[in-house]
């Protein structure tokens, strides 16, 4: 559905106050959140649309998207933040703001807070009434995917190669668990030798501690900028898919463009994120406004 089908609605003062208050409280209690724990917006939207289905918890009868293998590495703090914001909003204005809208706004706010571009968020989404781990199989990029797979995956959701490269710039913040790249350390010759040694040391205890992780952007991990693109020619990409972006002629021109021109990256990232935020949205009777973000009504 195009943005024009979901007109931008002014955020009420209560929405802004509750969202900002909970976001700042969470960041103050856990200072690492802003630079590491981005909301699971991309994992929610790309498979089946921006509908908050990633927020639903599994039950004894259903394994939800959140517990799909590819989503198990998502940090828990953003889920807690969304629940806190939703609880405050339900007390102030019941059955008004959807969980999918909260997730979209939280993501946009985090990008801006970390120095990234502002982009307009269209409000009025409804939440999905279901969430199934099996429904997202093959619909999210994996670190081991080759370029043909990545291009086809994004194209199936209506995104161009350039939009794919722009969205990958979100790796300028956040982190990846050692299990997602440790098998390539010492084998993939695209790694900078000193970076290889540092990764080996950082992930040395990974078999005993699977929660070990490394920043996606080791140069400016707490700042949203174009360093991710500048890192790749230096062999400082963390994931195998990062190296593929640099080596493939279909993506390298866009990567080099964004490495040189941060304003262009910000412009294209904002457009791609706005497009992603309205992809596959549910309106009217196709969805609901959940009373709790982790469970259907």
C-alpha atoms as a PDB file:
ATOM      1  CA  UNK A   1       0.000   0.000   0.000  1.00  0.00           C
ATOM      2  CA  UNK A   2       1.496   3.368  -0.943  1.00  0.00           C
ATOM      3  CA  UNK A   3       2.077   6.056   1.688  1.00  0.00           C
ATOM      4  CA  UNK A   4      -0.809   8.104   0.286  1.00  0.00           C
ATOM      5  CA  UNK A   5      -3.183   5.349   1.394  1.00  0.00           C
ATOM      6  CA  UNK A   6      -2.114   5.826   5.005  1.00  0.00           C
ATOM      7  CA  UNK A   7      -2.053   9.583   5.666  1.00  0.00           C
ATOM      8  CA  UNK A   8       0.346  10.938   8.253  1.00  0.00           C
ATOM      9  CA  UNK A   9      -1.421  11.631  11.497  1.00  0.00           C
ATOM     10  CA  UNK A  10      -0.085  14.110  14.050  1.00  0.00           C
ATOM     11  CA  UNK A  11       1.227  12.354  17.109  1.00  0.00           C
ATOM     12  CA  UNK A  12      -0.714  13.508  20.138  1.00  0.00           C
ATOM     13  CA  UNK A  13       1.178  15.128  22.969  1.00  0.00           C
ATOM     14  CA  UNK A  14       0.288  12.118  25.125  1.00  0.00           C
ATOM     15  CA  UNK A  15       1.743   9.703  22.546  1.00  0.00           C
ATOM     16  CA  UNK A  16       4.965  11.694  22.283  1.00  0.00           C
ATOM     17  CA  UNK A  17       5.296  12.137  26.036  1.00  0.00           C
ATOM     18  CA  UNK A  18       4.718   8.483  26.876  1.00  0.00           C
ATOM     19  CA  UNK A  19       6.947   7.205  24.101  1.00  0.00           C
ATOM     20  CA  UNK A  20       9.811   9.600  24.816  1.00  0.00           C
ATOM     21  CA  UNK A  21       9.554   9.119  28.562  1.00  0.00           C
ATOM     22  CA  UNK A  22       9.774   5.336  28.381  1.00  0.00           C
ATOM     23  CA  UNK A  23      12.515   5.451  25.740  1.00  0.00           C
ATOM     24  CA  UNK A  24      14.689   7.771  27.853  1.00  0.00           C
ATOM     25  CA  UNK A  25      14.017   5.816  31.035  1.00  0.00           C
ATOM     26  CA  UNK A  26      15.074   2.588  29.341  1.00  0.00           C
ATOM     27  CA  UNK A  27      18.218   4.203  27.947  1.00  0.00           C
ATOM     28  CA  UNK A  28      19.131   5.732  31.292  1.00  0.00           C
ATOM     29  CA  UNK A  29      18.832   2.460  33.158  1.00  0.00           C
ATOM     30  CA  UNK A  30      20.770   0.559  30.496  1.00  0.00           C
ATOM     31  CA  UNK A  31      23.157   2.947  28.693  1.00  0.00           C
ATOM     32  CA  UNK A  32      24.093   0.360  26.081  1.00  0.00           C
ATOM     33  CA  UNK A  33      20.576   0.233  24.667  1.00  0.00           C
ATOM     34  CA  UNK A  34      20.789   3.194  22.328  1.00  0.00           C
ATOM     35  CA  UNK A  35      23.827   1.943  20.525  1.00  0.00           C
ATOM     36  CA  UNK A  36      23.029  -1.758  20.503  1.00  0.00           C
ATOM     37  CA  UNK A  37      19.419  -2.672  20.876  1.00  0.00           C
ATOM     38  CA  UNK A  38      17.516  -1.337  17.892  1.00  0.00           C
ATOM     39  CA  UNK A  39      13.821  -2.262  17.723  1.00  0.00           C
ATOM     40  CA  UNK A  40      13.074  -5.380  15.620  1.00  0.00           C
ATOM     41  CA  UNK A  41      11.386  -3.255  12.949  1.00  0.00           C
ATOM     42  CA  UNK A  42      13.112  -4.774   9.908  1.00  0.00           C
ATOM     43  CA  UNK A  43      12.434  -8.316  11.147  1.00  0.00           C
ATOM     44  CA  UNK A  44       8.790  -7.389  11.594  1.00  0.00           C
ATOM     45  CA  UNK A  45       8.178  -5.675   8.268  1.00  0.00           C
ATOM     46  CA  UNK A  46      10.089  -7.477   5.541  1.00  0.00           C
ATOM     47  CA  UNK A  47       8.581 -10.987   5.852  1.00  0.00           C
ATOM     48  CA  UNK A  48       4.848 -10.234   5.998  1.00  0.00           C
ATOM     49  CA  UNK A  49       4.434  -6.484   6.370  1.00  0.00           C
ATOM     50  CA  UNK A  50       4.602  -3.814   9.054  1.00  0.00           C
ATOM     51  CA  UNK A  51       2.001  -5.295  11.392  1.00  0.00           C
ATOM     52  CA  UNK A  52       3.665  -5.880  14.773  1.00  0.00           C
ATOM     53  CA  UNK A  53       3.549  -9.661  14.388  1.00  0.00           C
ATOM     54  CA  UNK A  54       7.159  -9.916  15.649  1.00  0.00           C
ATOM     55  CA  UNK A  55       5.968  -8.680  19.061  1.00  0.00           C
ATOM     56  CA  UNK A  56       3.585 -11.590  19.715  1.00  0.00           C
ATOM     57  CA  UNK A  57       4.844 -14.212  22.152  1.00  0.00           C
ATOM     58  CA  UNK A  58       4.653 -17.933  21.502  1.00  0.00           C
ATOM     59  CA  UNK A  59       2.121 -20.119  23.295  1.00  0.00           C
ATOM     60  CA  UNK A  60       1.889 -23.814  24.017  1.00  0.00           C
ATOM     61  CA  UNK A  61      -0.047 -24.140  20.765  1.00  0.00           C
ATOM     62  CA  UNK A  62       1.860 -21.770  18.478  1.00  0.00           C
ATOM     63  CA  UNK A  63       5.516 -20.929  17.809  1.00  0.00           C
ATOM     64  CA  UNK A  64       5.486 -17.219  16.964  1.00  0.00           C
ATOM     65  CA  UNK A  65       7.791 -15.259  14.627  1.00  0.00           C
ATOM     66  CA  UNK A  66       9.739 -14.001  17.608  1.00  0.00           C
ATOM     67  CA  UNK A  67      10.957 -17.551  18.291  1.00  0.00           C
ATOM     68  CA  UNK A  68      11.901 -18.436  14.724  1.00  0.00           C
ATOM     69  CA  UNK A  69      15.559 -19.471  14.548  1.00  0.00           C
ATOM     70  CA  UNK A  70      16.565 -16.341  12.627  1.00  0.00           C
ATOM     71  CA  UNK A  71      15.003 -14.111  15.305  1.00  0.00           C
ATOM     72  CA  UNK A  72      16.419 -15.798  18.400  1.00  0.00           C
ATOM     73  CA  UNK A  73      19.386 -13.412  18.447  1.00  0.00           C
ATOM     74  CA  UNK A  74      17.152 -10.325  18.679  1.00  0.00           C
ATOM     75  CA  UNK A  75      17.770  -8.508  21.995  1.00  0.00           C
ATOM     76  CA  UNK A  76      14.949  -8.511  24.494  1.00  0.00           C
ATOM     77  CA  UNK A  77      15.143  -4.912  25.703  1.00  0.00           C
ATOM     78  CA  UNK A  78      13.302  -3.350  22.726  1.00  0.00           C
ATOM     79  CA  UNK A  79      10.387  -5.731  23.304  1.00  0.00           C
ATOM     80  CA  UNK A  80      10.235  -4.557  26.927  1.00  0.00           C
ATOM     81  CA  UNK A  81      10.301  -0.933  25.780  1.00  0.00           C
ATOM     82  CA  UNK A  82       7.382  -1.444  23.387  1.00  0.00           C
ATOM     83  CA  UNK A  83       5.360  -3.114  26.165  1.00  0.00           C
ATOM     84  CA  UNK A  84       6.065  -0.192  28.517  1.00  0.00           C
ATOM     85  CA  UNK A  85       4.990   2.394  25.943  1.00  0.00           C
ATOM     86  CA  UNK A  86       1.864   0.418  25.082  1.00  0.00           C
ATOM     87  CA  UNK A  87       0.906   0.069  28.759  1.00  0.00           C
ATOM     88  CA  UNK A  88       1.213   3.825  29.289  1.00  0.00           C
ATOM     89  CA  UNK A  89      -0.811   4.576  26.148  1.00  0.00           C
ATOM     90  CA  UNK A  90      -3.568   2.141  27.050  1.00  0.00           C
ATOM     91  CA  UNK A  91      -3.961   3.861  30.425  1.00  0.00           C
ATOM     92  CA  UNK A  92      -4.138   7.282  28.765  1.00  0.00           C
ATOM     93  CA  UNK A  93      -6.132   6.490  25.612  1.00  0.00           C
ATOM     94  CA  UNK A  94      -7.346   2.875  25.392  1.00  0.00           C
ATOM     95  CA  UNK A  95      -7.690   1.077  22.065  1.00  0.00           C
ATOM     96  CA  UNK A  96      -6.224   3.981  20.072  1.00  0.00           C
ATOM     97  CA  UNK A  97      -2.557   3.371  19.194  1.00  0.00           C
ATOM     98  CA  UNK A  98      -1.493   0.094  17.613  1.00  0.00           C
ATOM     99  CA  UNK A  99       1.626  -1.826  18.546  1.00  0.00           C
ATOM    100  CA  UNK A 100       2.820  -1.647  14.937  1.00  0.00           C
ATOM    101  CA  UNK A 101       2.616   2.156  15.039  1.00  0.00           C
ATOM    102  CA  UNK A 102       4.581   2.212  18.297  1.00  0.00           C
ATOM    103  CA  UNK A 103       7.259  -0.011  16.772  1.00  0.00           C
ATOM    104  CA  UNK A 104       7.541   2.202  13.675  1.00  0.00           C
ATOM    105  CA  UNK A 105       7.827   5.405  15.717  1.00  0.00           C
ATOM    106  CA  UNK A 106      10.323   3.865  18.169  1.00  0.00           C
ATOM    107  CA  UNK A 107      12.573   2.840  15.292  1.00  0.00           C
ATOM    108  CA  UNK A 108      12.435   6.255  13.633  1.00  0.00           C
ATOM    109  CA  UNK A 109      13.142   7.976  16.941  1.00  0.00           C
ATOM    110  CA  UNK A 110      16.155   5.776  17.632  1.00  0.00           C
ATOM    111  CA  UNK A 111      17.665   6.494  14.214  1.00  0.00           C
ATOM    112  CA  UNK A 112      17.285  10.229  14.828  1.00  0.00           C
ATOM    113  CA  UNK A 113      18.606  10.009  18.401  1.00  0.00           C
ATOM    114  CA  UNK A 114      21.772   8.335  17.135  1.00  0.00           C
ATOM    115  CA  UNK A 115      22.403  11.072  14.564  1.00  0.00           C
ATOM    116  CA  UNK A 116      20.651   9.531  11.567  1.00  0.00           C
ATOM    117  CA  UNK A 117      18.062  11.060   9.234  1.00  0.00           C
ATOM    118  CA  UNK A 118      14.522  11.987  10.173  1.00  0.00           C
ATOM    119  CA  UNK A 119      11.786  10.412   8.088  1.00  0.00           C
ATOM    120  CA  UNK A 120       8.048  10.840   8.329  1.00  0.00           C
ATOM    121  CA  UNK A 121       6.044   8.036   9.915  1.00  0.00           C
ATOM    122  CA  UNK A 122       2.524   7.399   8.663  1.00  0.00           C
ATOM    123  CA  UNK A 123       0.243   6.317  11.488  1.00  0.00           C
ATOM    124  CA  UNK A 124      -2.947   4.297  11.455  1.00  0.00           C
ATOM    125  CA  UNK A 125      -1.684   0.722  11.071  1.00  0.00           C
ATOM    126  CA  UNK A 126      -3.608  -2.158  12.561  1.00  0.00           C
ATOM    127  CA  UNK A 127      -1.890  -5.058  14.277  1.00  0.00           C
ATOM    128  CA  UNK A 128      -1.735  -8.569  12.924  1.00  0.00           C
ATOM    129  CA  UNK A 129      -4.024 -11.137  14.528  1.00  0.00           C
ATOM    130  CA  UNK A 130      -1.497 -13.920  14.058  1.00  0.00           C
ATOM    131  CA  UNK A 131       2.203 -14.707  14.185  1.00  0.00           C
ATOM    132  CA  UNK A 132       3.834 -17.916  13.038  1.00  0.00           C
ATOM    133  CA  UNK A 133       7.510 -18.806  12.875  1.00  0.00           C
ATOM    134  CA  UNK A 134       6.911 -20.907   9.774  1.00  0.00           C
ATOM    135  CA  UNK A 135       5.395 -17.938   7.903  1.00  0.00           C
ATOM    136  CA  UNK A 136       8.719 -16.068   7.759  1.00  0.00           C
ATOM    137  CA  UNK A 137      10.886 -18.947   6.572  1.00  0.00           C
ATOM    138  CA  UNK A 138      13.104 -17.739   3.736  1.00  0.00           C
ATOM    139  CA  UNK A 139      11.792 -14.175   3.974  1.00  0.00           C
ATOM    140  CA  UNK A 140      14.648 -12.619   5.980  1.00  0.00           C
ATOM    141  CA  UNK A 141      18.272 -12.274   4.845  1.00  0.00           C
ATOM    142  CA  UNK A 142      20.801 -14.596   6.428  1.00  0.00           C
ATOM    143  CA  UNK A 143      24.496 -13.746   6.895  1.00  0.00           C
ATOM    144  CA  UNK A 144      25.494 -16.653   4.651  1.00  0.00           C
ATOM    145  CA  UNK A 145      23.301 -15.722   1.678  1.00  0.00           C
ATOM    146  CA  UNK A 146      24.895 -14.968  -1.683  1.00  0.00           C
ATOM    147  CA  UNK A 147      24.004 -11.929  -3.739  1.00  0.00           C
ATOM    148  CA  UNK A 148      21.461 -13.652  -6.052  1.00  0.00           C
ATOM    149  CA  UNK A 149      19.539 -14.855  -3.000  1.00  0.00           C
ATOM    150  CA  UNK A 150      19.641 -11.449  -1.348  1.00  0.00           C
ATOM    151  CA  UNK A 151      18.491  -9.620  -4.477  1.00  0.00           C
ATOM    152  CA  UNK A 152      15.637 -12.071  -5.047  1.00  0.00           C
ATOM    153  CA  UNK A 153      14.563 -11.883  -1.413  1.00  0.00           C
ATOM    154  CA  UNK A 154      14.292  -8.085  -1.416  1.00  0.00           C
ATOM    155  CA  UNK A 155      12.786  -8.006  -4.905  1.00  0.00           C
ATOM    156  CA  UNK A 156      10.009 -10.349  -3.783  1.00  0.00           C
ATOM    157  CA  UNK A 157       8.956  -7.612  -1.352  1.00  0.00           C
ATOM    158  CA  UNK A 158       9.271  -4.857  -3.963  1.00  0.00           C
ATOM    159  CA  UNK A 159      12.684  -3.434  -3.033  1.00  0.00           C
ATOM    160  CA  UNK A 160      15.385  -2.551  -5.552  1.00  0.00           C
ATOM    161  CA  UNK A 161      19.074  -3.358  -5.283  1.00  0.00           C
ATOM    162  CA  UNK A 162      19.825   0.230  -4.297  1.00  0.00           C
ATOM    163  CA  UNK A 163      17.143   0.184  -1.608  1.00  0.00           C
ATOM    164  CA  UNK A 164      18.602  -3.068  -0.303  1.00  0.00           C
ATOM    165  CA  UNK A 165      22.069  -1.496  -0.028  1.00  0.00           C
ATOM    166  CA  UNK A 166      20.615   1.605   1.639  1.00  0.00           C
ATOM    167  CA  UNK A 167      18.721  -0.474   4.203  1.00  0.00           C
ATOM    168  CA  UNK A 168      21.869  -2.477   4.952  1.00  0.00           C
ATOM    169  CA  UNK A 169      23.345   0.786   6.219  1.00  0.00           C
ATOM    170  CA  UNK A 170      21.373   0.162   9.410  1.00  0.00           C
ATOM    171  CA  UNK A 171      24.341  -2.056  10.316  1.00  0.00           C
ATOM    172  CA  UNK A 172      26.102   1.148  11.280  1.00  0.00           C
ATOM    173  CA  UNK A 173      24.531   0.481  14.700  1.00  0.00           C
ATOM    174  CA  UNK A 174      23.672  -2.735  16.496  1.00  0.00           C
ATOM    175  CA  UNK A 175      25.576  -5.965  16.916  1.00  0.00           C
ATOM    176  CA  UNK A 176      25.793  -9.555  15.717  1.00  0.00           C
ATOM    177  CA  UNK A 177      26.320 -12.685  17.760  1.00  0.00           C
ATOM    178  CA  UNK A 178      29.501 -14.629  17.203  1.00  0.00           C
ATOM    179  CA  UNK A 179      27.533 -17.604  15.900  1.00  0.00           C
ATOM    180  CA  UNK A 180      26.533 -15.521  12.865  1.00  0.00           C
ATOM    181  CA  UNK A 181      30.085 -15.067  11.577  1.00  0.00           C
ATOM    182  CA  UNK A 182      32.531 -17.154  13.638  1.00  0.00           C
ATOM    183  CA  UNK A 183      32.651 -19.938  11.049  1.00  0.00           C
ATOM    184  CA  UNK A 184      34.102 -17.479   8.510  1.00  0.00           C
ATOM    185  CA  UNK A 185      36.876 -16.108  10.701  1.00  0.00           C
ATOM    186  CA  UNK A 186      40.205 -17.194   9.262  1.00  0.00           C
ATOM    187  CA  UNK A 187      38.539 -18.659   6.157  1.00  0.00           C
ATOM    188  CA  UNK A 188      37.060 -15.573   4.467  1.00  0.00           C
ATOM    189  CA  UNK A 189      40.058 -13.721   2.999  1.00  0.00           C
ATOM    190  CA  UNK A 190      38.082 -10.471   2.805  1.00  0.00           C
ATOM    191  CA  UNK A 191      38.662  -9.836   6.515  1.00  0.00           C
ATOM    192  CA  UNK A 192      41.428  -7.445   7.523  1.00  0.00           C
ATOM    193  CA  UNK A 193      44.109  -9.661   9.200  1.00  0.00           C
ATOM    194  CA  UNK A 194      44.176  -7.577  12.390  1.00  0.00           C
ATOM    195  CA  UNK A 195      40.379  -7.580  12.467  1.00  0.00           C
ATOM    196  CA  UNK A 196      40.448 -11.357  12.126  1.00  0.00           C
ATOM    197  CA  UNK A 197      42.654 -11.677  15.201  1.00  0.00           C
ATOM    198  CA  UNK A 198      40.437  -9.297  17.165  1.00  0.00           C
ATOM    199  CA  UNK A 199      37.320 -11.285  16.226  1.00  0.00           C
ATOM    200  CA  UNK A 200      38.962 -14.566  17.216  1.00  0.00           C
ATOM    201  CA  UNK A 201      39.784 -13.098  20.599  1.00  0.00           C
ATOM    202  CA  UNK A 202      36.322 -11.571  21.066  1.00  0.00           C
ATOM    203  CA  UNK A 203      34.583 -14.845  20.197  1.00  0.00           C
ATOM    204  CA  UNK A 204      37.042 -17.217  21.849  1.00  0.00           C
ATOM    205  CA  UNK A 205      34.521 -18.318  24.495  1.00  0.00           C
ATOM    206  CA  UNK A 206      31.582 -18.424  22.117  1.00  0.00           C
ATOM    207  CA  UNK A 207      31.040 -22.213  22.437  1.00  0.00           C
ATOM    208  CA  UNK A 208      30.579 -21.742  26.189  1.00  0.00           C
ATOM    209  CA  UNK A 209      28.811 -18.390  25.973  1.00  0.00           C
ATOM    210  CA  UNK A 210      26.566 -18.144  22.887  1.00  0.00           C
ATOM    211  CA  UNK A 211      25.484 -14.619  23.864  1.00  0.00           C
ATOM    212  CA  UNK A 212      28.878 -13.154  22.922  1.00  0.00           C
ATOM    213  CA  UNK A 213      28.520 -10.473  20.270  1.00  0.00           C
ATOM    214  CA  UNK A 214      30.474  -7.847  18.328  1.00  0.00           C
ATOM    215  CA  UNK A 215      29.431  -4.420  17.075  1.00  0.00           C
ATOM    216  CA  UNK A 216      28.490  -4.371  13.386  1.00  0.00           C
ATOM    217  CA  UNK A 217      30.407  -1.105  13.007  1.00  0.00           C
ATOM    218  CA  UNK A 218      33.548  -1.212  15.129  1.00  0.00           C
ATOM    219  CA  UNK A 219      34.562   2.353  14.288  1.00  0.00           C
ATOM    220  CA  UNK A 220      31.501   4.337  15.443  1.00  0.00           C
ATOM    221  CA  UNK A 221      29.145   1.784  17.033  1.00  0.00           C
ATOM    222  CA  UNK A 222      27.039   4.362  18.889  1.00  0.00           C
ATOM    223  CA  UNK A 223      26.541   6.731  15.959  1.00  0.00           C
ATOM    224  CA  UNK A 224      24.294   6.443  12.928  1.00  0.00           C
ATOM    225  CA  UNK A 225      26.549   7.439  10.031  1.00  0.00           C
ATOM    226  CA  UNK A 226      28.042   6.020   6.830  1.00  0.00           C
ATOM    227  CA  UNK A 227      31.000   4.286   8.519  1.00  0.00           C
ATOM    228  CA  UNK A 228      29.514   0.877   7.707  1.00  0.00           C
ATOM    229  CA  UNK A 229      30.151   1.505   4.010  1.00  0.00           C
ATOM    230  CA  UNK A 230      33.600   2.953   4.643  1.00  0.00           C
ATOM    231  CA  UNK A 231      34.567  -0.101   6.667  1.00  0.00           C
ATOM    232  CA  UNK A 232      33.923  -2.680   3.963  1.00  0.00           C
ATOM    233  CA  UNK A 233      36.777  -1.760   1.560  1.00  0.00           C
ATOM    234  CA  UNK A 234      39.110  -1.964   4.580  1.00  0.00           C
ATOM    235  CA  UNK A 235      38.091  -5.534   5.358  1.00  0.00           C
ATOM    236  CA  UNK A 236      36.162  -4.494   8.462  1.00  0.00           C
ATOM    237  CA  UNK A 237      32.809  -5.958   7.494  1.00  0.00           C
ATOM    238  CA  UNK A 238      31.504  -8.358  10.120  1.00  0.00           C
ATOM    239  CA  UNK A 239      29.168 -10.650   8.206  1.00  0.00           C
ATOM    240  CA  UNK A 240      29.752 -12.684   5.069  1.00  0.00           C
ATOM    241  CA  UNK A 241      26.908 -10.786   3.401  1.00  0.00           C
ATOM    242  CA  UNK A 242      28.757  -7.518   4.127  1.00  0.00           C
ATOM    243  CA  UNK A 243      31.734  -8.698   2.092  1.00  0.00           C
ATOM    244  CA  UNK A 244      29.430  -9.803  -0.722  1.00  0.00           C
ATOM    245  CA  UNK A 245      28.009  -6.266  -0.925  1.00  0.00           C
ATOM    246  CA  UNK A 246      31.492  -4.925  -1.595  1.00  0.00           C
ATOM    247  CA  UNK A 247      32.654  -7.609  -4.011  1.00  0.00           C
ATOM    248  CA  UNK A 248      29.552  -7.835  -6.201  1.00  0.00           C
ATOM    249  CA  UNK A 249      29.396  -5.376  -9.143  1.00  0.00           C
ATOM    250  CA  UNK A 250      25.635  -4.977  -8.735  1.00  0.00           C
ATOM    251  CA  UNK A 251      25.928  -3.494  -5.250  1.00  0.00           C
ATOM    252  CA  UNK A 252      29.438  -2.055  -5.090  1.00  0.00           C
ATOM    253  CA  UNK A 253      28.633   1.222  -6.933  1.00  0.00           C
ATOM    254  CA  UNK A 254      25.930   2.060  -4.373  1.00  0.00           C
ATOM    255  CA  UNK A 255      28.216   1.094  -1.524  1.00  0.00           C
ATOM    256  CA  UNK A 256      30.974   3.370  -2.835  1.00  0.00           C
ATOM    257  CA  UNK A 257      28.456   6.179  -3.346  1.00  0.00           C
ATOM    258  CA  UNK A 258      27.247   6.016   0.251  1.00  0.00           C
ATOM    259  CA  UNK A 259      30.799   5.709   1.586  1.00  0.00           C
ATOM    260  CA  UNK A 260      31.650   9.035  -0.078  1.00  0.00           C
ATOM    261  CA  UNK A 261      28.363  10.882   0.458  1.00  0.00           C
ATOM    262  CA  UNK A 262      26.671  10.531   3.839  1.00  0.00           C
ATOM    263  CA  UNK A 263      23.886  12.936   2.878  1.00  0.00           C
ATOM    264  CA  UNK A 264      22.973  10.748  -0.084  1.00  0.00           C
ATOM    265  CA  UNK A 265      22.960   7.693   2.169  1.00  0.00           C
ATOM    266  CA  UNK A 266      20.705   9.461   4.676  1.00  0.00           C
ATOM    267  CA  UNK A 267      18.341  10.549   1.903  1.00  0.00           C
ATOM    268  CA  UNK A 268      18.052   7.074   0.372  1.00  0.00           C
ATOM    269  CA  UNK A 269      17.889   5.316   3.745  1.00  0.00           C
ATOM    270  CA  UNK A 270      15.027   7.560   4.859  1.00  0.00           C
ATOM    271  CA  UNK A 271      13.077   6.853   1.659  1.00  0.00           C
ATOM    272  CA  UNK A 272      13.669   3.103   1.934  1.00  0.00           C
ATOM    273  CA  UNK A 273      12.664   3.026   5.600  1.00  0.00           C
ATOM    274  CA  UNK A 274       9.494   4.957   4.894  1.00  0.00           C
ATOM    275  CA  UNK A 275       8.693   2.493   2.124  1.00  0.00           C
ATOM    276  CA  UNK A 276       9.383  -0.421   4.467  1.00  0.00           C
ATOM    277  CA  UNK A 277       7.211   1.141   7.176  1.00  0.00           C
ATOM    278  CA  UNK A 278       4.099   0.982   4.966  1.00  0.00           C
ATOM    279  CA  UNK A 279       4.888  -2.347   3.307  1.00  0.00           C
ATOM    280  CA  UNK A 280       2.113  -4.878   3.781  1.00  0.00           C
ATOM    281  CA  UNK A 281       0.264  -2.809   6.368  1.00  0.00           C
ATOM    282  CA  UNK A 282      -3.116  -3.872   7.677  1.00  0.00           C
ATOM    283  CA  UNK A 283      -5.972  -1.390   7.940  1.00  0.00           C
ATOM    284  CA  UNK A 284      -9.667  -1.596   8.671  1.00  0.00           C
ATOM    285  CA  UNK A 285     -10.952  -5.056   9.495  1.00  0.00           C
ATOM    286  CA  UNK A 286      -7.782  -6.747   8.281  1.00  0.00           C
ATOM    287  CA  UNK A 287      -6.198  -6.112  11.647  1.00  0.00           C
ATOM    288  CA  UNK A 288      -6.833  -4.991  15.200  1.00  0.00           C
ATOM    289  CA  UNK A 289      -5.440  -2.659  17.848  1.00  0.00           C
ATOM    290  CA  UNK A 290      -4.054  -5.064  20.398  1.00  0.00           C
ATOM    291  CA  UNK A 291      -4.609  -4.361  24.058  1.00  0.00           C
ATOM    292  CA  UNK A 292      -1.249  -6.063  24.724  1.00  0.00           C
ATOM    293  CA  UNK A 293       1.534  -6.097  22.202  1.00  0.00           C
ATOM    294  CA  UNK A 294       2.647  -9.630  23.052  1.00  0.00           C
ATOM    295  CA  UNK A 295      -0.759 -11.256  22.531  1.00  0.00           C
ATOM    296  CA  UNK A 296      -3.726 -10.998  20.204  1.00  0.00           C
ATOM    297  CA  UNK A 297      -7.009  -9.752  21.633  1.00  0.00           C
END
